[in-house]
Amino acid sequence: VRDEVVAAAATSAPASGTAAAEPASDLADDETTVMPEVADSTPVRWIDPAAPWLEEAGGDPLGKRLQPVLVARVLLRYDETKADLVHDEEFECVIPSIGETVDVGEAITVDYDERDLRDEAPEPAVYRMTDAKLTNKTFFSGVERDLKDHLVRSRTMEVPANKTLKLYGRPGETAEEFGIRCARAADEAADADIAKLRDKYESKVTKLRDQIEAAEDRVDVLEEQASSKRNSELLSTAGSILGGLLGGKSKGSMLGKLGTAAGRRGRTKASKERLDAAENKVERLEEQLEDLEVDLAEDVTEIETKWAEAASDVTALQVPLEKTDIKVSQLALAWMPVD
């Protein structure tokens, strides 16, 4: 086959961009100076020896032989409704080994632009022949199909996720930036929950404060009454008994005065008991208010702890590719210089 190709090249003018045939003695059995025919619908390119990714793909910038490879540019779309995510990405690769079958799993990711792929062959050009059916459109459509299947199986996009806060990372967002967003959202949620406590506690606090104020007013009144009664008792008793004693009144008359004094003292004691009861009520109400403040502090702490934990509850969401979200925008046969 090689001799037939060489003979055909010798009897026909070389195609544009193709060097004149070298002597057969200089060629290996799998080499030819005539580029193998390729299906009309498939673009053909020659990889520039200066391409920065050439060696990574297995090429040699000083190589004198051209090996057939496939280069592909693929548009990928990652979308996830619950994350409100739509992210487009471009994937470029070189498939270095092609034959009757092509293992797209061997694709090497590269970053190429059109300057890396020449439209014309170098001179001289020596091509390595391949068993791949380059003239068949179905060969290339099969590679395209297999490449899509491979990308569906092998590529996913990972974004940070906080399901409690219903937050998801954005393309290009760092973990630190996502953490800040989570902390801010958690603070807002905590503030909203704490605001709801106002309705729960406000009426109770207002009622207790009104009761304390009324009880304190009652204490003031009873204190004034008790003080007045003590003064009245002292003056009345002292005046009556001392007056009787100093006035030379009889013992019977003085005993009557003593009974009256004892009655006044009993009424003063009752006033004191009412005052004590009122003061105790103030104290109980103040304790209830303090207990309410403790309950409020505990509720606030519980809310803050809940949302602080929510802010740190970050996991990873895997966003897969779907076959309908993959578009091969370029699949070309490229000749790569090798040693």
C-alpha atoms as a PDB file:
ATOM      1  CA  VAL A   1       0.000   0.000   0.000  1.00  0.00           C
ATOM      2  CA  ARG A   2       2.777   2.381   0.939  1.00  0.00           C
ATOM      3  CA  ASP A   3       4.538   1.738  -2.436  1.00  0.00           C
ATOM      4  CA  GLU A   4       1.303   2.416  -4.289  1.00  0.00           C
ATOM      5  CA  VAL A   5       0.840   5.693  -2.420  1.00  0.00           C
ATOM      6  CA  VAL A   6       4.441   6.717  -3.110  1.00  0.00           C
ATOM      7  CA  ALA A   7       4.102   5.774  -6.777  1.00  0.00           C
ATOM      8  CA  ALA A   8       0.903   7.770  -7.060  1.00  0.00           C
ATOM      9  CA  ALA A   9       2.630  10.737  -5.491  1.00  0.00           C
ATOM     10  CA  ALA A  10       5.514  10.427  -7.951  1.00  0.00           C
ATOM     11  CA  THR A  11       3.199  10.532 -10.961  1.00  0.00           C
ATOM     12  CA  SER A  12       1.028  13.392  -9.756  1.00  0.00           C
ATOM     13  CA  ALA A  13       1.720  16.969  -8.785  1.00  0.00           C
ATOM     14  CA  PRO A  14       1.877  17.460  -5.010  1.00  0.00           C
ATOM     15  CA  ALA A  15      -1.132  19.126  -3.375  1.00  0.00           C
ATOM     16  CA  SER A  16      -0.780  22.678  -2.123  1.00  0.00           C
ATOM     17  CA  GLY A  17       1.137  22.704   1.172  1.00  0.00           C
ATOM     18  CA  THR A  18       2.499  19.159   0.573  1.00  0.00           C
ATOM     19  CA  ALA A  19       6.213  18.637  -0.007  1.00  0.00           C
ATOM     20  CA  ALA A  20       7.592  16.627  -2.917  1.00  0.00           C
ATOM     21  CA  ALA A  21       7.992  12.908  -2.230  1.00  0.00           C
ATOM     22  CA  GLU A  22      11.204  11.749  -0.629  1.00  0.00           C
ATOM     23  CA  PRO A  23      12.980   8.645  -1.927  1.00  0.00           C
ATOM     24  CA  ALA A  24      11.281   5.482  -0.711  1.00  0.00           C
ATOM     25  CA  SER A  25      14.503   4.365   0.942  1.00  0.00           C
ATOM     26  CA  ASP A  26      14.222   7.267   3.399  1.00  0.00           C
ATOM     27  CA  LEU A  27      10.715   6.313   4.550  1.00  0.00           C
ATOM     28  CA  ALA A  28       9.642   3.713   7.076  1.00  0.00           C
ATOM     29  CA  ASP A  29       6.991   1.173   6.151  1.00  0.00           C
ATOM     30  CA  ASP A  30       4.275   3.235   7.854  1.00  0.00           C
ATOM     31  CA  GLU A  31       5.303   6.594   6.370  1.00  0.00           C
ATOM     32  CA  THR A  32       4.366   8.529   3.260  1.00  0.00           C
ATOM     33  CA  THR A  33       4.971  11.963   1.835  1.00  0.00           C
ATOM     34  CA  VAL A  34       1.386  12.164   0.609  1.00  0.00           C
ATOM     35  CA  MET A  35      -1.184  13.129   3.190  1.00  0.00           C
ATOM     36  CA  PRO A  36      -3.787  10.378   3.564  1.00  0.00           C
ATOM     37  CA  GLU A  37      -7.236  11.304   2.319  1.00  0.00           C
ATOM     38  CA  VAL A  38      -9.664  12.646   4.910  1.00  0.00           C
ATOM     39  CA  ALA A  39     -13.470  12.908   4.815  1.00  0.00           C
ATOM     40  CA  ASP A  40     -14.560  16.158   3.169  1.00  0.00           C
ATOM     41  CA  SER A  41     -16.584  17.304   6.182  1.00  0.00           C
ATOM     42  CA  THR A  42     -13.619  17.077   8.548  1.00  0.00           C
ATOM     43  CA  PRO A  43     -11.161  19.978   8.773  1.00  0.00           C
ATOM     44  CA  VAL A  44      -7.457  19.152   8.556  1.00  0.00           C
ATOM     45  CA  ARG A  45      -4.797  21.110  10.456  1.00  0.00           C
ATOM     46  CA  TRP A  46      -1.055  20.951  11.149  1.00  0.00           C
ATOM     47  CA  ILE A  47       0.031  21.582  14.721  1.00  0.00           C
ATOM     48  CA  ASP A  48       2.514  24.421  15.041  1.00  0.00           C
ATOM     49  CA  PRO A  49       5.789  23.196  16.595  1.00  0.00           C
ATOM     50  CA  ALA A  50       5.643  26.275  18.826  1.00  0.00           C
ATOM     51  CA  ALA A  51       2.309  25.270  20.375  1.00  0.00           C
ATOM     52  CA  PRO A  52       2.885  25.496  24.171  1.00  0.00           C
ATOM     53  CA  TRP A  53       1.050  22.235  24.839  1.00  0.00           C
ATOM     54  CA  LEU A  54       2.728  20.187  22.093  1.00  0.00           C
ATOM     55  CA  GLU A  55       5.063  18.151  24.312  1.00  0.00           C
ATOM     56  CA  GLU A  56       2.296  17.585  26.855  1.00  0.00           C
ATOM     57  CA  ALA A  57       0.281  15.982  24.061  1.00  0.00           C
ATOM     58  CA  GLY A  58       3.195  13.735  23.121  1.00  0.00           C
ATOM     59  CA  GLY A  59       4.629  15.792  20.277  1.00  0.00           C
ATOM     60  CA  ASP A  60       8.158  16.973  19.583  1.00  0.00           C
ATOM     61  CA  PRO A  61       8.799  20.526  18.334  1.00  0.00           C
ATOM     62  CA  LEU A  62      11.872  19.201  16.473  1.00  0.00           C
ATOM     63  CA  GLY A  63      10.094  16.150  15.101  1.00  0.00           C
ATOM     64  CA  LYS A  64      10.318  15.400  11.369  1.00  0.00           C
ATOM     65  CA  ARG A  65       7.396  13.003  11.201  1.00  0.00           C
ATOM     66  CA  LEU A  66       3.702  13.914  11.373  1.00  0.00           C
ATOM     67  CA  GLN A  67       1.398  11.708  13.418  1.00  0.00           C
ATOM     68  CA  PRO A  68      -2.390  11.914  13.025  1.00  0.00           C
ATOM     69  CA  VAL A  69      -4.265  13.044  16.131  1.00  0.00           C
ATOM     70  CA  LEU A  70      -7.667  14.496  16.798  1.00  0.00           C
ATOM     71  CA  VAL A  71      -8.194  17.900  18.342  1.00  0.00           C
ATOM     72  CA  ALA A  72     -11.564  18.835  19.757  1.00  0.00           C
ATOM     73  CA  ARG A  73     -13.213  21.894  21.183  1.00  0.00           C
ATOM     74  CA  VAL A  74     -16.339  21.179  23.193  1.00  0.00           C
ATOM     75  CA  LEU A  75     -18.863  23.550  24.750  1.00  0.00           C
ATOM     76  CA  LEU A  76     -20.123  22.328  28.124  1.00  0.00           C
ATOM     77  CA  ARG A  77     -23.091  23.655  30.051  1.00  0.00           C
ATOM     78  CA  TYR A  78     -23.576  22.839  33.719  1.00  0.00           C
ATOM     79  CA  ASP A  79     -27.051  23.649  34.963  1.00  0.00           C
ATOM     80  CA  GLU A  80     -28.765  22.938  38.248  1.00  0.00           C
ATOM     81  CA  THR A  81     -32.211  24.389  38.875  1.00  0.00           C
ATOM     82  CA  LYS A  82     -32.196  24.195  42.676  1.00  0.00           C
ATOM     83  CA  ALA A  83     -28.849  25.993  42.778  1.00  0.00           C
ATOM     84  CA  ASP A  84     -30.014  28.554  40.194  1.00  0.00           C
ATOM     85  CA  LEU A  85     -26.825  27.660  38.345  1.00  0.00           C
ATOM     86  CA  VAL A  86     -26.076  27.908  34.640  1.00  0.00           C
ATOM     87  CA  HIS A  87     -22.372  27.810  33.816  1.00  0.00           C
ATOM     88  CA  ASP A  88     -20.823  27.501  30.371  1.00  0.00           C
ATOM     89  CA  GLU A  89     -17.332  26.135  29.966  1.00  0.00           C
ATOM     90  CA  GLU A  90     -15.062  25.372  27.027  1.00  0.00           C
ATOM     91  CA  PHE A  91     -13.153  22.095  26.973  1.00  0.00           C
ATOM     92  CA  GLU A  92     -10.308  21.464  24.548  1.00  0.00           C
ATOM     93  CA  CYS A  93      -8.348  18.270  24.115  1.00  0.00           C
ATOM     94  CA  VAL A  94      -6.019  16.235  21.958  1.00  0.00           C
ATOM     95  CA  ILE A  95      -6.694  12.542  21.336  1.00  0.00           C
ATOM     96  CA  PRO A  96      -3.179  11.316  20.535  1.00  0.00           C
ATOM     97  CA  SER A  97      -3.719   7.725  19.411  1.00  0.00           C
ATOM     98  CA  ILE A  98      -6.112   6.940  16.600  1.00  0.00           C
ATOM     99  CA  GLY A  99      -6.533   3.694  14.720  1.00  0.00           C
ATOM    100  CA  GLU A 100      -9.394   1.394  13.818  1.00  0.00           C
ATOM    101  CA  THR A 101     -10.716   2.264  17.258  1.00  0.00           C
ATOM    102  CA  VAL A 102     -10.193   5.426  19.253  1.00  0.00           C
ATOM    103  CA  ASP A 103      -9.971   5.514  23.039  1.00  0.00           C
ATOM    104  CA  VAL A 104     -11.371   8.926  23.920  1.00  0.00           C
ATOM    105  CA  GLY A 105     -10.428   8.204  27.535  1.00  0.00           C
ATOM    106  CA  GLU A 106      -6.850   8.991  26.517  1.00  0.00           C
ATOM    107  CA  ALA A 107      -7.817  12.551  25.606  1.00  0.00           C
ATOM    108  CA  ILE A 108      -5.307  15.075  26.945  1.00  0.00           C
ATOM    109  CA  THR A 109      -6.741  18.377  28.101  1.00  0.00           C
ATOM    110  CA  VAL A 110      -5.006  21.330  26.464  1.00  0.00           C
ATOM    111  CA  ASP A 111      -5.694  25.007  25.909  1.00  0.00           C
ATOM    112  CA  TYR A 112      -5.270  25.736  22.238  1.00  0.00           C
ATOM    113  CA  ASP A 113      -6.196  28.601  19.974  1.00  0.00           C
ATOM    114  CA  GLU A 114      -6.340  28.852  16.210  1.00  0.00           C
ATOM    115  CA  ARG A 115      -2.726  30.029  15.992  1.00  0.00           C
ATOM    116  CA  ASP A 116      -1.629  26.608  17.232  1.00  0.00           C
ATOM    117  CA  LEU A 117      -3.272  24.921  14.239  1.00  0.00           C
ATOM    118  CA  ARG A 118      -1.905  25.770  10.812  1.00  0.00           C
ATOM    119  CA  ASP A 119      -3.881  25.540   7.599  1.00  0.00           C
ATOM    120  CA  GLU A 120      -0.870  24.484   5.526  1.00  0.00           C
ATOM    121  CA  ALA A 121       1.563  21.608   5.811  1.00  0.00           C
ATOM    122  CA  PRO A 122       5.220  22.168   6.662  1.00  0.00           C
ATOM    123  CA  GLU A 123       7.896  21.380   4.093  1.00  0.00           C
ATOM    124  CA  PRO A 124       9.021  18.690   3.833  1.00  0.00           C
ATOM    125  CA  ALA A 125       6.157  16.655   5.285  1.00  0.00           C
ATOM    126  CA  VAL A 126       6.323  12.978   6.142  1.00  0.00           C
ATOM    127  CA  TYR A 127       3.072  11.401   7.359  1.00  0.00           C
ATOM    128  CA  ARG A 128       2.645   8.341   9.492  1.00  0.00           C
ATOM    129  CA  MET A 129      -0.112   6.203   8.097  1.00  0.00           C
ATOM    130  CA  THR A 130      -2.930   4.926  10.270  1.00  0.00           C
ATOM    131  CA  ASP A 131      -5.526   2.163  10.207  1.00  0.00           C
ATOM    132  CA  ALA A 132      -8.201   4.705  11.087  1.00  0.00           C
ATOM    133  CA  LYS A 133     -10.873   5.058   8.410  1.00  0.00           C
ATOM    134  CA  LEU A 134     -10.194   8.738   7.831  1.00  0.00           C
ATOM    135  CA  THR A 135     -12.285   8.854   4.664  1.00  0.00           C
ATOM    136  CA  ASN A 136     -15.448   7.784   6.477  1.00  0.00           C
ATOM    137  CA  LYS A 137     -17.660  10.440   8.019  1.00  0.00           C
ATOM    138  CA  THR A 138     -18.960   7.819  10.427  1.00  0.00           C
ATOM    139  CA  PHE A 139     -15.466   7.448  11.904  1.00  0.00           C
ATOM    140  CA  PHE A 140     -15.496  11.062  13.059  1.00  0.00           C
ATOM    141  CA  SER A 141     -19.170  11.083  14.085  1.00  0.00           C
ATOM    142  CA  GLY A 142     -18.447   7.988  16.190  1.00  0.00           C
ATOM    143  CA  VAL A 143     -15.537   9.738  17.906  1.00  0.00           C
ATOM    144  CA  GLU A 144     -17.770  12.735  18.591  1.00  0.00           C
ATOM    145  CA  ARG A 145     -20.435  10.502  20.124  1.00  0.00           C
ATOM    146  CA  ASP A 146     -17.896   8.616  22.241  1.00  0.00           C
ATOM    147  CA  LEU A 147     -16.317  11.869  23.408  1.00  0.00           C
ATOM    148  CA  LYS A 148     -19.688  13.168  24.581  1.00  0.00           C
ATOM    149  CA  ASP A 149     -20.365   9.934  26.460  1.00  0.00           C
ATOM    150  CA  HIS A 150     -16.918  10.091  28.046  1.00  0.00           C
ATOM    151  CA  LEU A 151     -17.433  13.680  29.214  1.00  0.00           C
ATOM    152  CA  VAL A 152     -20.843  12.833  30.695  1.00  0.00           C
ATOM    153  CA  ARG A 153     -19.252  10.018  32.704  1.00  0.00           C
ATOM    154  CA  SER A 154     -16.064  11.752  33.736  1.00  0.00           C
ATOM    155  CA  ARG A 155     -16.750  15.431  34.266  1.00  0.00           C
ATOM    156  CA  THR A 156     -18.780  17.137  36.949  1.00  0.00           C
ATOM    157  CA  MET A 157     -18.755  20.599  38.401  1.00  0.00           C
ATOM    158  CA  GLU A 158     -18.441  20.884  42.170  1.00  0.00           C
ATOM    159  CA  VAL A 159     -19.856  23.880  43.986  1.00  0.00           C
ATOM    160  CA  PRO A 160     -20.124  24.511  47.739  1.00  0.00           C
ATOM    161  CA  ALA A 161     -23.628  24.168  49.099  1.00  0.00           C
ATOM    162  CA  ASN A 162     -25.421  25.142  52.293  1.00  0.00           C
ATOM    163  CA  LYS A 163     -28.759  23.376  52.180  1.00  0.00           C
ATOM    164  CA  THR A 164     -29.961  24.839  55.484  1.00  0.00           C
ATOM    165  CA  LEU A 165     -29.521  28.374  54.190  1.00  0.00           C
ATOM    166  CA  LYS A 166     -30.426  27.327  50.617  1.00  0.00           C
ATOM    167  CA  LEU A 167     -27.220  28.878  49.312  1.00  0.00           C
ATOM    168  CA  TYR A 168     -24.996  27.534  46.565  1.00  0.00           C
ATOM    169  CA  GLY A 169     -21.597  28.588  45.317  1.00  0.00           C
ATOM    170  CA  ARG A 170     -21.146  30.609  42.178  1.00  0.00           C
ATOM    171  CA  PRO A 171     -18.633  29.832  39.438  1.00  0.00           C
ATOM    172  CA  GLY A 172     -15.304  31.376  40.381  1.00  0.00           C
ATOM    173  CA  GLU A 173     -16.369  32.050  43.982  1.00  0.00           C
ATOM    174  CA  THR A 174     -13.757  31.047  46.556  1.00  0.00           C
ATOM    175  CA  ALA A 175     -14.551  28.988  49.648  1.00  0.00           C
ATOM    176  CA  GLU A 176     -13.830  32.059  51.777  1.00  0.00           C
ATOM    177  CA  GLU A 177     -16.235  34.219  49.780  1.00  0.00           C
ATOM    178  CA  PHE A 178     -18.949  31.580  50.018  1.00  0.00           C
ATOM    179  CA  GLY A 179     -18.352  31.321  53.775  1.00  0.00           C
ATOM    180  CA  ILE A 180     -18.835  35.077  54.115  1.00  0.00           C
ATOM    181  CA  ARG A 181     -22.130  34.857  52.222  1.00  0.00           C
ATOM    182  CA  CYS A 182     -23.285  32.043  54.488  1.00  0.00           C
ATOM    183  CA  ALA A 183     -22.344  33.978  57.633  1.00  0.00           C
ATOM    184  CA  ARG A 184     -24.214  37.041  56.403  1.00  0.00           C
ATOM    185  CA  ALA A 185     -27.327  35.037  55.555  1.00  0.00           C
ATOM    186  CA  ALA A 186     -27.196  33.262  58.930  1.00  0.00           C
ATOM    187  CA  ASP A 187     -26.934  36.606  60.755  1.00  0.00           C
ATOM    188  CA  GLU A 188     -29.982  37.893  58.900  1.00  0.00           C
ATOM    189  CA  ALA A 189     -31.944  34.745  59.749  1.00  0.00           C
ATOM    190  CA  ALA A 190     -30.925  35.015  63.413  1.00  0.00           C
ATOM    191  CA  ASP A 191     -31.992  38.668  63.513  1.00  0.00           C
ATOM    192  CA  ALA A 192     -35.378  37.704  62.057  1.00  0.00           C
ATOM    193  CA  ASP A 193     -35.898  34.987  64.688  1.00  0.00           C
ATOM    194  CA  ILE A 194     -34.831  37.311  67.502  1.00  0.00           C
ATOM    195  CA  ALA A 195     -37.271  39.927  66.235  1.00  0.00           C
ATOM    196  CA  LYS A 196     -40.059  37.347  66.610  1.00  0.00           C
ATOM    197  CA  LEU A 197     -39.172  37.045  70.304  1.00  0.00           C
ATOM    198  CA  ARG A 198     -40.210  40.659  70.743  1.00  0.00           C
ATOM    199  CA  ASP A 199     -43.859  39.714  70.228  1.00  0.00           C
ATOM    200  CA  LYS A 200     -43.500  36.825  72.664  1.00  0.00           C
ATOM    201  CA  TYR A 201     -41.846  38.780  75.476  1.00  0.00           C
ATOM    202  CA  GLU A 202     -42.970  42.376  75.026  1.00  0.00           C
ATOM    203  CA  SER A 203     -46.476  41.965  76.483  1.00  0.00           C
ATOM    204  CA  LYS A 204     -45.151  39.910  79.424  1.00  0.00           C
ATOM    205  CA  VAL A 205     -42.470  42.462  80.249  1.00  0.00           C
ATOM    206  CA  THR A 206     -44.898  45.371  79.962  1.00  0.00           C
ATOM    207  CA  LYS A 207     -47.411  43.645  82.239  1.00  0.00           C
ATOM    208  CA  LEU A 208     -44.773  42.846  84.875  1.00  0.00           C
ATOM    209  CA  ARG A 209     -43.373  46.374  84.839  1.00  0.00           C
ATOM    210  CA  ASP A 210     -46.867  47.808  85.285  1.00  0.00           C
ATOM    211  CA  GLN A 211     -47.487  45.433  88.195  1.00  0.00           C
ATOM    212  CA  ILE A 212     -44.145  46.343  89.793  1.00  0.00           C
ATOM    213  CA  GLU A 213     -44.876  50.044  89.446  1.00  0.00           C
ATOM    214  CA  ALA A 214     -48.330  49.609  91.024  1.00  0.00           C
ATOM    215  CA  ALA A 215     -46.897  47.469  93.822  1.00  0.00           C
ATOM    216  CA  GLU A 216     -44.182  50.037  94.528  1.00  0.00           C
ATOM    217  CA  ASP A 217     -46.836  52.761  94.692  1.00  0.00           C
ATOM    218  CA  ARG A 218     -48.778  50.604  97.171  1.00  0.00           C
ATOM    219  CA  VAL A 219     -45.615  50.204  99.272  1.00  0.00           C
ATOM    220  CA  ASP A 220     -45.116  53.959  99.322  1.00  0.00           C
ATOM    221  CA  VAL A 221     -48.694  54.507 100.513  1.00  0.00           C
ATOM    222  CA  LEU A 222     -48.450  51.834 103.199  1.00  0.00           C
ATOM    223  CA  GLU A 223     -45.079  53.149 104.375  1.00  0.00           C
ATOM    224  CA  GLU A 224     -46.567  56.600 104.781  1.00  0.00           C
ATOM    225  CA  GLN A 225     -49.599  55.212 106.609  1.00  0.00           C
ATOM    226  CA  ALA A 226     -47.442  53.035 108.876  1.00  0.00           C
ATOM    227  CA  SER A 227     -45.185  55.944 109.731  1.00  0.00           C
ATOM    228  CA  SER A 228     -48.185  58.151 110.499  1.00  0.00           C
ATOM    229  CA  LYS A 229     -49.747  55.482 112.722  1.00  0.00           C
ATOM    230  CA  ARG A 230     -46.506  54.963 114.641  1.00  0.00           C
ATOM    231  CA  ASN A 231     -46.236  58.670 115.354  1.00  0.00           C
ATOM    232  CA  SER A 232     -49.892  58.897 116.310  1.00  0.00           C
ATOM    233  CA  GLU A 233     -49.617  55.868 118.576  1.00  0.00           C
ATOM    234  CA  LEU A 234     -46.561  57.230 120.326  1.00  0.00           C
ATOM    235  CA  LEU A 235     -48.046  60.642 120.895  1.00  0.00           C
ATOM    236  CA  SER A 236     -51.449  59.376 121.939  1.00  0.00           C
ATOM    237  CA  THR A 237     -50.195  56.675 124.261  1.00  0.00           C
ATOM    238  CA  ALA A 238     -47.459  58.732 125.780  1.00  0.00           C
ATOM    239  CA  GLY A 239     -49.779  61.658 126.213  1.00  0.00           C
ATOM    240  CA  SER A 240     -52.559  59.688 127.816  1.00  0.00           C
ATOM    241  CA  ILE A 241     -50.542  57.571 130.197  1.00  0.00           C
ATOM    242  CA  LEU A 242     -47.975  60.147 131.113  1.00  0.00           C
ATOM    243  CA  GLY A 243     -50.688  62.738 131.470  1.00  0.00           C
ATOM    244  CA  GLY A 244     -52.652  60.479 133.786  1.00  0.00           C
ATOM    245  CA  LEU A 245     -49.605  59.634 135.822  1.00  0.00           C
ATOM    246  CA  LEU A 246     -48.450  63.182 136.169  1.00  0.00           C
ATOM    247  CA  GLY A 247     -51.996  64.435 136.703  1.00  0.00           C
ATOM    248  CA  GLY A 248     -52.566  62.131 139.651  1.00  0.00           C
ATOM    249  CA  LYS A 249     -55.366  60.123 138.039  1.00  0.00           C
ATOM    250  CA  SER A 250     -56.506  56.848 139.536  1.00  0.00           C
ATOM    251  CA  LYS A 251     -55.039  53.480 138.618  1.00  0.00           C
ATOM    252  CA  GLY A 252     -58.326  52.377 137.014  1.00  0.00           C
ATOM    253  CA  SER A 253     -58.326  55.350 134.776  1.00  0.00           C
ATOM    254  CA  MET A 254     -54.739  54.650 133.818  1.00  0.00           C
ATOM    255  CA  LEU A 255     -55.508  50.985 133.040  1.00  0.00           C
ATOM    256  CA  GLY A 256     -58.173  52.127 130.596  1.00  0.00           C
ATOM    257  CA  LYS A 257     -55.619  54.256 128.874  1.00  0.00           C
ATOM    258  CA  LEU A 258     -53.236  51.268 128.716  1.00  0.00           C
ATOM    259  CA  GLY A 259     -55.922  49.183 126.941  1.00  0.00           C
ATOM    260  CA  THR A 260     -56.412  51.923 124.412  1.00  0.00           C
ATOM    261  CA  ALA A 261     -52.652  52.084 123.829  1.00  0.00           C
ATOM    262  CA  ALA A 262     -52.495  48.317 123.278  1.00  0.00           C
ATOM    263  CA  GLY A 263     -55.274  48.573 120.687  1.00  0.00           C
ATOM    264  CA  ARG A 264     -53.424  51.267 118.826  1.00  0.00           C
ATOM    265  CA  ARG A 265     -50.261  49.134 118.836  1.00  0.00           C
ATOM    266  CA  GLY A 266     -52.237  46.185 117.378  1.00  0.00           C
ATOM    267  CA  ARG A 267     -53.488  48.344 114.533  1.00  0.00           C
ATOM    268  CA  THR A 268     -49.929  49.562 113.871  1.00  0.00           C
ATOM    269  CA  LYS A 269     -48.721  45.967 113.726  1.00  0.00           C
ATOM    270  CA  ALA A 270     -51.418  45.130 111.163  1.00  0.00           C
ATOM    271  CA  SER A 271     -50.301  48.087 109.044  1.00  0.00           C
ATOM    272  CA  LYS A 272     -46.733  46.806 109.246  1.00  0.00           C
ATOM    273  CA  GLU A 273     -47.851  43.379 108.069  1.00  0.00           C
ATOM    274  CA  ARG A 274     -49.676  44.904 105.099  1.00  0.00           C
ATOM    275  CA  LEU A 275     -46.517  46.860 104.250  1.00  0.00           C
ATOM    276  CA  ASP A 276     -44.388  43.719 104.462  1.00  0.00           C
ATOM    277  CA  ALA A 277     -46.809  41.882 102.197  1.00  0.00           C
ATOM    278  CA  ALA A 278     -46.686  44.707  99.654  1.00  0.00           C
ATOM    279  CA  GLU A 279     -42.885  44.767  99.715  1.00  0.00           C
ATOM    280  CA  ASN A 280     -42.804  40.987  99.290  1.00  0.00           C
ATOM    281  CA  LYS A 281     -45.076  41.334  96.269  1.00  0.00           C
ATOM    282  CA  VAL A 282     -42.689  43.856  94.715  1.00  0.00           C
ATOM    283  CA  GLU A 283     -39.824  41.453  95.326  1.00  0.00           C
ATOM    284  CA  ARG A 284     -41.716  38.535  93.743  1.00  0.00           C
ATOM    285  CA  LEU A 285     -42.609  40.585  90.689  1.00  0.00           C
ATOM    286  CA  GLU A 286     -39.007  41.730  90.292  1.00  0.00           C
ATOM    287  CA  GLU A 287     -37.867  38.102  90.508  1.00  0.00           C
ATOM    288  CA  GLN A 288     -40.370  37.191  87.787  1.00  0.00           C
ATOM    289  CA  LEU A 289     -38.954  39.968  85.607  1.00  0.00           C
ATOM    290  CA  GLU A 290     -35.421  38.703  86.210  1.00  0.00           C
ATOM    291  CA  ASP A 291     -36.535  35.159  85.316  1.00  0.00           C
ATOM    292  CA  LEU A 292     -38.088  36.507  82.130  1.00  0.00           C
ATOM    293  CA  GLU A 293     -34.826  38.221  81.221  1.00  0.00           C
ATOM    294  CA  VAL A 294     -32.953  34.938  81.803  1.00  0.00           C
ATOM    295  CA  ASP A 295     -35.435  33.107  79.546  1.00  0.00           C
ATOM    296  CA  LEU A 296     -34.955  35.748  76.866  1.00  0.00           C
ATOM    297  CA  ALA A 297     -31.168  35.487  77.074  1.00  0.00           C
ATOM    298  CA  GLU A 298     -31.383  31.696  76.747  1.00  0.00           C
ATOM    299  CA  ASP A 299     -33.682  31.956  73.725  1.00  0.00           C
ATOM    300  CA  VAL A 300     -31.361  34.468  72.035  1.00  0.00           C
ATOM    301  CA  THR A 301     -28.339  32.245  72.716  1.00  0.00           C
ATOM    302  CA  GLU A 302     -30.166  29.234  71.300  1.00  0.00           C
ATOM    303  CA  ILE A 303     -31.050  31.149  68.133  1.00  0.00           C
ATOM    304  CA  GLU A 304     -27.513  32.445  67.662  1.00  0.00           C
ATOM    305  CA  THR A 305     -26.070  28.949  68.170  1.00  0.00           C
ATOM    306  CA  LYS A 306     -28.551  27.434  65.729  1.00  0.00           C
ATOM    307  CA  TRP A 307     -27.705  29.849  62.917  1.00  0.00           C
ATOM    308  CA  ALA A 308     -23.964  29.823  63.623  1.00  0.00           C
ATOM    309  CA  GLU A 309     -24.033  26.052  63.132  1.00  0.00           C
ATOM    310  CA  ALA A 310     -26.098  26.510  59.978  1.00  0.00           C
ATOM    311  CA  ALA A 311     -23.524  28.938  58.573  1.00  0.00           C
ATOM    312  CA  SER A 312     -20.770  26.344  58.912  1.00  0.00           C
ATOM    313  CA  ASP A 313     -22.823  23.456  57.503  1.00  0.00           C
ATOM    314  CA  VAL A 314     -21.184  23.564  54.064  1.00  0.00           C
ATOM    315  CA  THR A 315     -21.091  20.528  51.793  1.00  0.00           C
ATOM    316  CA  ALA A 316     -20.245  19.982  48.132  1.00  0.00           C
ATOM    317  CA  LEU A 317     -22.865  19.749  45.397  1.00  0.00           C
ATOM    318  CA  GLN A 318     -21.897  17.733  42.329  1.00  0.00           C
ATOM    319  CA  VAL A 319     -23.412  19.145  39.145  1.00  0.00           C
ATOM    320  CA  PRO A 320     -23.209  16.533  36.370  1.00  0.00           C
ATOM    321  CA  LEU A 321     -23.210  17.062  32.644  1.00  0.00           C
ATOM    322  CA  GLU A 322     -26.123  15.954  30.511  1.00  0.00           C
ATOM    323  CA  LYS A 323     -25.554  14.803  26.965  1.00  0.00           C
ATOM    324  CA  THR A 324     -27.857  17.515  25.659  1.00  0.00           C
ATOM    325  CA  ASP A 325     -25.625  20.095  27.373  1.00  0.00           C
ATOM    326  CA  ILE A 326     -22.554  19.070  25.354  1.00  0.00           C
ATOM    327  CA  LYS A 327     -21.798  20.485  21.922  1.00  0.00           C
ATOM    328  CA  VAL A 328     -18.689  19.584  19.930  1.00  0.00           C
ATOM    329  CA  SER A 329     -17.923  22.827  18.120  1.00  0.00           C
ATOM    330  CA  GLN A 330     -14.754  21.539  16.456  1.00  0.00           C
ATOM    331  CA  LEU A 331     -13.365  18.106  15.701  1.00  0.00           C
ATOM    332  CA  ALA A 332     -10.379  18.206  13.390  1.00  0.00           C
ATOM    333  CA  LEU A 333      -7.761  15.803  12.191  1.00  0.00           C
ATOM    334  CA  ALA A 334      -4.400  17.338  13.055  1.00  0.00           C
ATOM    335  CA  TRP A 335      -0.905  16.284  12.097  1.00  0.00           C
ATOM    336  CA  MET A 336       1.430  16.511  15.074  1.00  0.00           C
ATOM    337  CA  PRO A 337       5.234  16.585  14.746  1.00  0.00           C
ATOM    338  CA  VAL A 338       6.842  13.658  16.571  1.00  0.00           C
ATOM    339  CA  ASP A 339      10.334  12.245  16.844  1.00  0.00           C
END
